[in-house]
Amino acid sequence: MPLDPGNCMAYFPHYGFHEGLQQCVRFAYGGCGGNANRFNSMQECRSVCERKF
C-alpha cells in the first residue's frame, strides 16, 4: 500500500512502510484522508510491516 499524506494541509509526523525501500519511513500526514499505511511511531510500523518481509 503506498504512503498517502491525505488531502488536508496540516503537518503531523507519522510513519509508513515504503514498498520500494522495504522499510518504514517517516512522512508528513496532512490530518485527514490517507490510508491504513500510517502509524504513530517507527516501532509500531516496524512491528506490523517489516516482520512480514
N, C-alpha and C. Protein backbone atom coordinates (compact mmCIF):
# COMPACT_ATOMS: atom_id res chain seq x y z
N MET A 1 0.85 -1.17 0.00
CA MET A 1 0.00 0.00 0.00
C MET A 1 0.90 1.24 0.00
N PRO A 2 0.66 2.19 -0.88
CA PRO A 2 1.53 3.37 -0.95
C PRO A 2 1.35 4.29 0.26
N LEU A 3 2.36 5.11 0.51
CA LEU A 3 2.25 6.16 1.52
C LEU A 3 1.26 7.20 0.99
N ASP A 4 0.35 7.66 1.84
CA ASP A 4 -0.65 8.63 1.41
C ASP A 4 -0.77 9.72 2.46
N PRO A 5 -0.31 10.94 2.16
CA PRO A 5 -0.36 12.02 3.14
C PRO A 5 -1.76 12.54 3.42
N GLY A 6 -2.75 12.10 2.66
CA GLY A 6 -4.12 12.59 2.84
C GLY A 6 -4.33 13.86 2.06
N ASN A 7 -5.52 14.44 2.22
CA ASN A 7 -5.86 15.61 1.40
C ASN A 7 -6.01 16.89 2.20
N CYS A 8 -5.59 16.92 3.44
CA CYS A 8 -5.58 18.15 4.23
C CYS A 8 -4.16 18.70 4.29
N MET A 9 -4.01 19.90 4.80
CA MET A 9 -2.72 20.59 4.71
C MET A 9 -1.97 20.72 6.04
N ALA A 10 -2.35 19.98 7.05
CA ALA A 10 -1.62 20.03 8.32
C ALA A 10 -0.29 19.27 8.17
N TYR A 11 0.51 19.29 9.22
CA TYR A 11 1.77 18.55 9.20
C TYR A 11 1.88 17.75 10.49
N PHE A 12 1.62 16.47 10.38
CA PHE A 12 1.77 15.56 11.52
C PHE A 12 2.78 14.49 11.14
N PRO A 13 3.88 14.39 11.87
CA PRO A 13 4.85 13.34 11.54
C PRO A 13 4.28 11.96 11.86
N HIS A 14 4.25 11.10 10.86
CA HIS A 14 3.80 9.73 11.00
C HIS A 14 4.80 8.82 10.29
N TYR A 15 4.54 7.55 10.33
CA TYR A 15 5.44 6.56 9.75
C TYR A 15 4.63 5.60 8.91
N GLY A 16 5.24 5.15 7.82
CA GLY A 16 4.57 4.19 6.95
C GLY A 16 5.59 3.32 6.26
N PHE A 17 5.12 2.21 5.72
CA PHE A 17 6.01 1.27 5.04
C PHE A 17 6.20 1.70 3.60
N HIS A 18 7.46 1.92 3.21
CA HIS A 18 7.82 2.31 1.84
C HIS A 18 8.12 1.03 1.07
N GLU A 19 7.29 0.72 0.09
CA GLU A 19 7.43 -0.54 -0.64
C GLU A 19 8.74 -0.64 -1.40
N GLY A 20 9.19 0.45 -1.99
CA GLY A 20 10.44 0.43 -2.76
C GLY A 20 11.66 0.18 -1.90
N LEU A 21 11.69 0.78 -0.72
CA LEU A 21 12.83 0.63 0.19
C LEU A 21 12.69 -0.59 1.09
N GLN A 22 11.50 -1.16 1.15
CA GLN A 22 11.20 -2.30 2.02
C GLN A 22 11.52 -2.01 3.48
N GLN A 23 11.17 -0.80 3.91
CA GLN A 23 11.35 -0.42 5.31
C GLN A 23 10.40 0.71 5.67
N CYS A 24 10.24 0.93 6.95
CA CYS A 24 9.39 2.02 7.43
C CYS A 24 10.15 3.34 7.34
N VAL A 25 9.42 4.39 6.97
CA VAL A 25 10.00 5.72 6.84
C VAL A 25 9.05 6.74 7.47
N ARG A 26 9.60 7.90 7.82
CA ARG A 26 8.80 8.99 8.35
C ARG A 26 8.23 9.78 7.18
N PHE A 27 7.00 10.25 7.31
CA PHE A 27 6.41 11.11 6.29
C PHE A 27 5.43 12.07 6.95
N ALA A 28 5.04 13.10 6.23
CA ALA A 28 4.13 14.12 6.75
C ALA A 28 2.70 13.75 6.40
N TYR A 29 1.89 13.56 7.42
CA TYR A 29 0.46 13.28 7.24
C TYR A 29 -0.30 14.60 7.37
N GLY A 30 -1.22 14.84 6.45
CA GLY A 30 -1.95 16.10 6.41
C GLY A 30 -3.08 16.24 7.40
N GLY A 31 -3.50 15.16 8.03
CA GLY A 31 -4.53 15.26 9.07
C GLY A 31 -5.88 14.65 8.74
N CYS A 32 -6.15 14.37 7.47
CA CYS A 32 -7.40 13.71 7.11
C CYS A 32 -7.20 12.90 5.83
N GLY A 33 -8.07 11.92 5.64
CA GLY A 33 -7.92 11.04 4.49
C GLY A 33 -6.75 10.09 4.70
N GLY A 34 -6.08 9.76 3.62
CA GLY A 34 -4.96 8.83 3.71
C GLY A 34 -5.44 7.39 3.66
N ASN A 35 -4.59 6.49 4.13
CA ASN A 35 -4.94 5.07 4.13
C ASN A 35 -4.40 4.39 5.39
N ALA A 36 -4.47 3.09 5.44
CA ALA A 36 -4.07 2.35 6.64
C ALA A 36 -2.56 2.24 6.80
N ASN A 37 -1.79 2.67 5.81
CA ASN A 37 -0.33 2.63 5.90
C ASN A 37 0.15 3.89 6.61
N ARG A 38 -0.24 4.02 7.87
CA ARG A 38 0.10 5.20 8.67
C ARG A 38 0.14 4.79 10.14
N PHE A 39 1.27 5.05 10.78
CA PHE A 39 1.48 4.64 12.16
C PHE A 39 2.02 5.81 12.97
N ASN A 40 1.74 5.81 14.27
CA ASN A 40 2.17 6.89 15.15
C ASN A 40 3.64 6.83 15.52
N SER A 41 4.26 5.67 15.38
CA SER A 41 5.67 5.54 15.76
C SER A 41 6.38 4.60 14.80
N MET A 42 7.69 4.76 14.73
CA MET A 42 8.51 3.87 13.91
C MET A 42 8.40 2.44 14.43
N GLN A 43 8.39 2.28 15.74
CA GLN A 43 8.30 0.95 16.35
C GLN A 43 7.00 0.25 15.94
N GLU A 44 5.90 0.97 15.97
CA GLU A 44 4.61 0.39 15.59
C GLU A 44 4.63 -0.03 14.12
N CYS A 45 5.16 0.81 13.25
CA CYS A 45 5.26 0.49 11.83
C CYS A 45 6.10 -0.76 11.61
N ARG A 46 7.25 -0.80 12.25
CA ARG A 46 8.14 -1.96 12.09
C ARG A 46 7.50 -3.24 12.59
N SER A 47 6.83 -3.18 13.72
CA SER A 47 6.25 -4.40 14.28
C SER A 47 5.13 -4.95 13.40
N VAL A 48 4.42 -4.08 12.70
CA VAL A 48 3.32 -4.52 11.84
C VAL A 48 3.82 -4.89 10.44
N CYS A 49 4.73 -4.12 9.89
CA CYS A 49 5.08 -4.25 8.47
C CYS A 49 6.37 -5.00 8.18
N GLU A 50 7.45 -4.66 8.83
CA GLU A 50 8.75 -5.20 8.42
C GLU A 50 8.92 -6.67 8.72
N ARG A 51 8.23 -7.20 9.70
CA ARG A 51 8.39 -8.62 10.01
C ARG A 51 7.77 -9.51 8.95
N LYS A 52 6.95 -8.94 8.08
CA LYS A 52 6.32 -9.72 7.02
C LYS A 52 7.28 -10.02 5.87
N PHE A 53 8.41 -9.33 5.84
CA PHE A 53 9.33 -9.46 4.71
C PHE A 53 10.63 -10.12 5.11
